[in-house]
Amino acid sequence: MPKENIRPVEILNFLKRHDCFPNASIAYKVPLTIPVPVASAERIFSKTKLLKSYMRIL
């Protein structure tokens, strides 16, 4: 187990540099190109808006 955390991009770069496991480098590319969803942050703003509306009614 490495002492420091290794980012997925570093693993992909290692595989490219050493030209080993071509299928593994392709497999690493797929999740690295998928955008991170921001739905949780949007839900927080939505809940805040609902709370503000509720507080105005009171």
N, C-alpha and C. Protein backbone atom coordinates (compact mmCIF):
# COMPACT_ATOMS: atom_id res chain seq x y z
N MET A 1 0.85 -1.18 0.00
CA MET A 1 0.00 0.00 0.00
C MET A 1 0.90 1.25 0.00
N PRO A 2 0.71 2.14 -0.96
CA PRO A 2 1.55 3.35 -0.97
C PRO A 2 1.24 4.27 0.21
N LYS A 3 2.26 4.98 0.63
CA LYS A 3 2.09 5.89 1.77
C LYS A 3 1.31 7.14 1.38
N GLU A 4 1.43 7.57 0.14
CA GLU A 4 0.69 8.75 -0.30
C GLU A 4 -0.40 8.32 -1.29
N ASN A 5 -1.39 9.17 -1.45
CA ASN A 5 -2.47 8.87 -2.39
C ASN A 5 -1.99 9.12 -3.81
N ILE A 6 -2.38 8.23 -4.69
CA ILE A 6 -2.03 8.37 -6.10
C ILE A 6 -3.31 8.71 -6.86
N ARG A 7 -3.25 9.79 -7.60
CA ARG A 7 -4.42 10.22 -8.37
C ARG A 7 -4.57 9.34 -9.61
N PRO A 8 -5.81 9.15 -10.08
CA PRO A 8 -6.02 8.33 -11.28
C PRO A 8 -5.28 8.86 -12.50
N VAL A 9 -5.13 10.17 -12.61
CA VAL A 9 -4.41 10.75 -13.75
C VAL A 9 -2.95 10.31 -13.73
N GLU A 10 -2.37 10.22 -12.55
CA GLU A 10 -0.98 9.77 -12.45
C GLU A 10 -0.83 8.32 -12.88
N ILE A 11 -1.81 7.49 -12.55
CA ILE A 11 -1.77 6.10 -12.99
C ILE A 11 -1.87 6.03 -14.50
N LEU A 12 -2.77 6.82 -15.08
CA LEU A 12 -2.92 6.85 -16.53
C LEU A 12 -1.63 7.30 -17.20
N ASN A 13 -1.00 8.33 -16.68
CA ASN A 13 0.27 8.80 -17.24
C ASN A 13 1.36 7.75 -17.13
N PHE A 14 1.40 7.02 -16.03
CA PHE A 14 2.38 5.95 -15.85
C PHE A 14 2.18 4.87 -16.91
N LEU A 15 0.93 4.47 -17.11
CA LEU A 15 0.64 3.44 -18.10
C LEU A 15 1.01 3.90 -19.50
N LYS A 16 0.77 5.17 -19.81
CA LYS A 16 1.13 5.69 -21.14
C LYS A 16 2.64 5.73 -21.33
N ARG A 17 3.36 6.20 -20.29
CA ARG A 17 4.83 6.33 -20.40
C ARG A 17 5.49 4.97 -20.61
N HIS A 18 5.03 3.97 -19.90
CA HIS A 18 5.67 2.66 -19.96
C HIS A 18 5.07 1.76 -21.04
N ASP A 19 4.06 2.25 -21.73
CA ASP A 19 3.44 1.53 -22.84
C ASP A 19 3.10 0.08 -22.45
N CYS A 20 2.55 -0.06 -21.27
CA CYS A 20 2.14 -1.38 -20.81
C CYS A 20 0.64 -1.38 -20.52
N PHE A 21 0.03 -2.50 -20.64
CA PHE A 21 -1.40 -2.67 -20.39
C PHE A 21 -2.24 -1.65 -21.16
N PRO A 22 -2.25 -1.72 -22.48
CA PRO A 22 -3.01 -0.74 -23.26
C PRO A 22 -4.50 -0.74 -22.93
N ASN A 23 -5.06 -1.90 -22.63
CA ASN A 23 -6.48 -1.95 -22.28
C ASN A 23 -6.75 -1.26 -20.95
N ALA A 24 -5.81 -1.34 -20.02
CA ALA A 24 -5.99 -0.67 -18.73
C ALA A 24 -5.96 0.84 -18.91
N SER A 25 -5.10 1.33 -19.80
CA SER A 25 -5.06 2.78 -20.01
C SER A 25 -6.35 3.27 -20.64
N ILE A 26 -6.94 2.47 -21.51
CA ILE A 26 -8.24 2.84 -22.10
C ILE A 26 -9.31 2.82 -21.02
N ALA A 27 -9.25 1.82 -20.15
CA ALA A 27 -10.24 1.72 -19.06
C ALA A 27 -10.14 2.91 -18.11
N TYR A 28 -8.94 3.41 -17.88
CA TYR A 28 -8.77 4.58 -17.01
C TYR A 28 -9.26 5.86 -17.69
N LYS A 29 -9.17 5.94 -19.01
CA LYS A 29 -9.60 7.14 -19.72
C LYS A 29 -11.10 7.38 -19.59
N VAL A 30 -11.87 6.31 -19.59
CA VAL A 30 -13.34 6.45 -19.59
C VAL A 30 -13.83 7.20 -18.36
N PRO A 31 -13.53 6.76 -17.13
CA PRO A 31 -14.06 7.52 -15.98
C PRO A 31 -13.44 8.91 -15.83
N LEU A 32 -12.24 9.10 -16.36
CA LEU A 32 -11.61 10.41 -16.24
C LEU A 32 -12.25 11.45 -17.16
N THR A 33 -12.98 11.01 -18.17
CA THR A 33 -13.62 11.96 -19.08
C THR A 33 -15.06 12.26 -18.70
N ILE A 34 -15.62 11.49 -17.77
CA ILE A 34 -17.01 11.72 -17.35
C ILE A 34 -17.05 12.91 -16.39
N PRO A 35 -17.88 13.91 -16.66
CA PRO A 35 -17.94 15.06 -15.75
C PRO A 35 -18.53 14.69 -14.39
N VAL A 36 -18.05 15.35 -13.39
CA VAL A 36 -18.54 15.12 -12.03
C VAL A 36 -19.89 15.81 -11.88
N PRO A 37 -20.89 15.08 -11.40
CA PRO A 37 -22.21 15.72 -11.26
C PRO A 37 -22.21 16.76 -10.15
N VAL A 38 -22.97 17.80 -10.36
CA VAL A 38 -23.09 18.86 -9.37
C VAL A 38 -24.49 18.90 -8.78
N ALA A 39 -25.20 17.78 -8.90
CA ALA A 39 -26.59 17.73 -8.44
C ALA A 39 -26.70 17.97 -6.94
N SER A 40 -25.74 17.48 -6.17
CA SER A 40 -25.82 17.67 -4.72
C SER A 40 -25.73 19.15 -4.36
N ALA A 41 -24.87 19.88 -5.04
CA ALA A 41 -24.76 21.32 -4.78
C ALA A 41 -26.04 22.04 -5.22
N GLU A 42 -26.61 21.62 -6.32
CA GLU A 42 -27.85 22.24 -6.80
C GLU A 42 -28.99 21.95 -5.84
N ARG A 43 -29.00 20.75 -5.24
CA ARG A 43 -30.05 20.43 -4.27
C ARG A 43 -29.95 21.31 -3.04
N ILE A 44 -28.74 21.61 -2.62
CA ILE A 44 -28.56 22.47 -1.45
C ILE A 44 -29.17 23.84 -1.71
N PHE A 45 -28.90 24.40 -2.90
CA PHE A 45 -29.46 25.71 -3.23
C PHE A 45 -30.97 25.64 -3.33
N SER A 46 -31.48 24.54 -3.86
CA SER A 46 -32.93 24.38 -3.98
C SER A 46 -33.57 24.31 -2.60
N LYS A 47 -32.97 23.57 -1.69
CA LYS A 47 -33.50 23.46 -0.32
C LYS A 47 -33.45 24.81 0.39
N THR A 48 -32.38 25.56 0.16
CA THR A 48 -32.26 26.89 0.76
C THR A 48 -33.36 27.80 0.25
N LYS A 49 -33.64 27.72 -1.04
CA LYS A 49 -34.71 28.53 -1.62
C LYS A 49 -36.06 28.17 -1.03
N LEU A 50 -36.32 26.87 -0.85
CA LEU A 50 -37.57 26.42 -0.24
C LEU A 50 -37.68 26.91 1.20
N LEU A 51 -36.59 26.86 1.92
CA LEU A 51 -36.58 27.30 3.32
C LEU A 51 -36.86 28.80 3.40
N LYS A 52 -36.25 29.58 2.52
CA LYS A 52 -36.50 31.02 2.51
C LYS A 52 -37.97 31.32 2.21
N SER A 53 -38.53 30.60 1.26
CA SER A 53 -39.95 30.79 0.93
C SER A 53 -40.82 30.45 2.13
N TYR A 54 -40.50 29.38 2.80
CA TYR A 54 -41.27 28.96 3.98
C TYR A 54 -41.17 30.01 5.09
N MET A 55 -39.98 30.55 5.29
CA MET A 55 -39.79 31.54 6.35
C MET A 55 -40.55 32.84 6.04
N ARG A 56 -40.72 33.18 4.78
CA ARG A 56 -41.47 34.38 4.41
C ARG A 56 -42.95 34.22 4.75
N ILE A 57 -43.44 33.00 4.63
CA ILE A 57 -44.86 32.74 4.92
C ILE A 57 -45.14 32.93 6.41
N LEU A 58 -44.20 32.54 7.24
CA LEU A 58 -44.40 32.65 8.69
C LEU A 58 -44.35 34.05 9.11
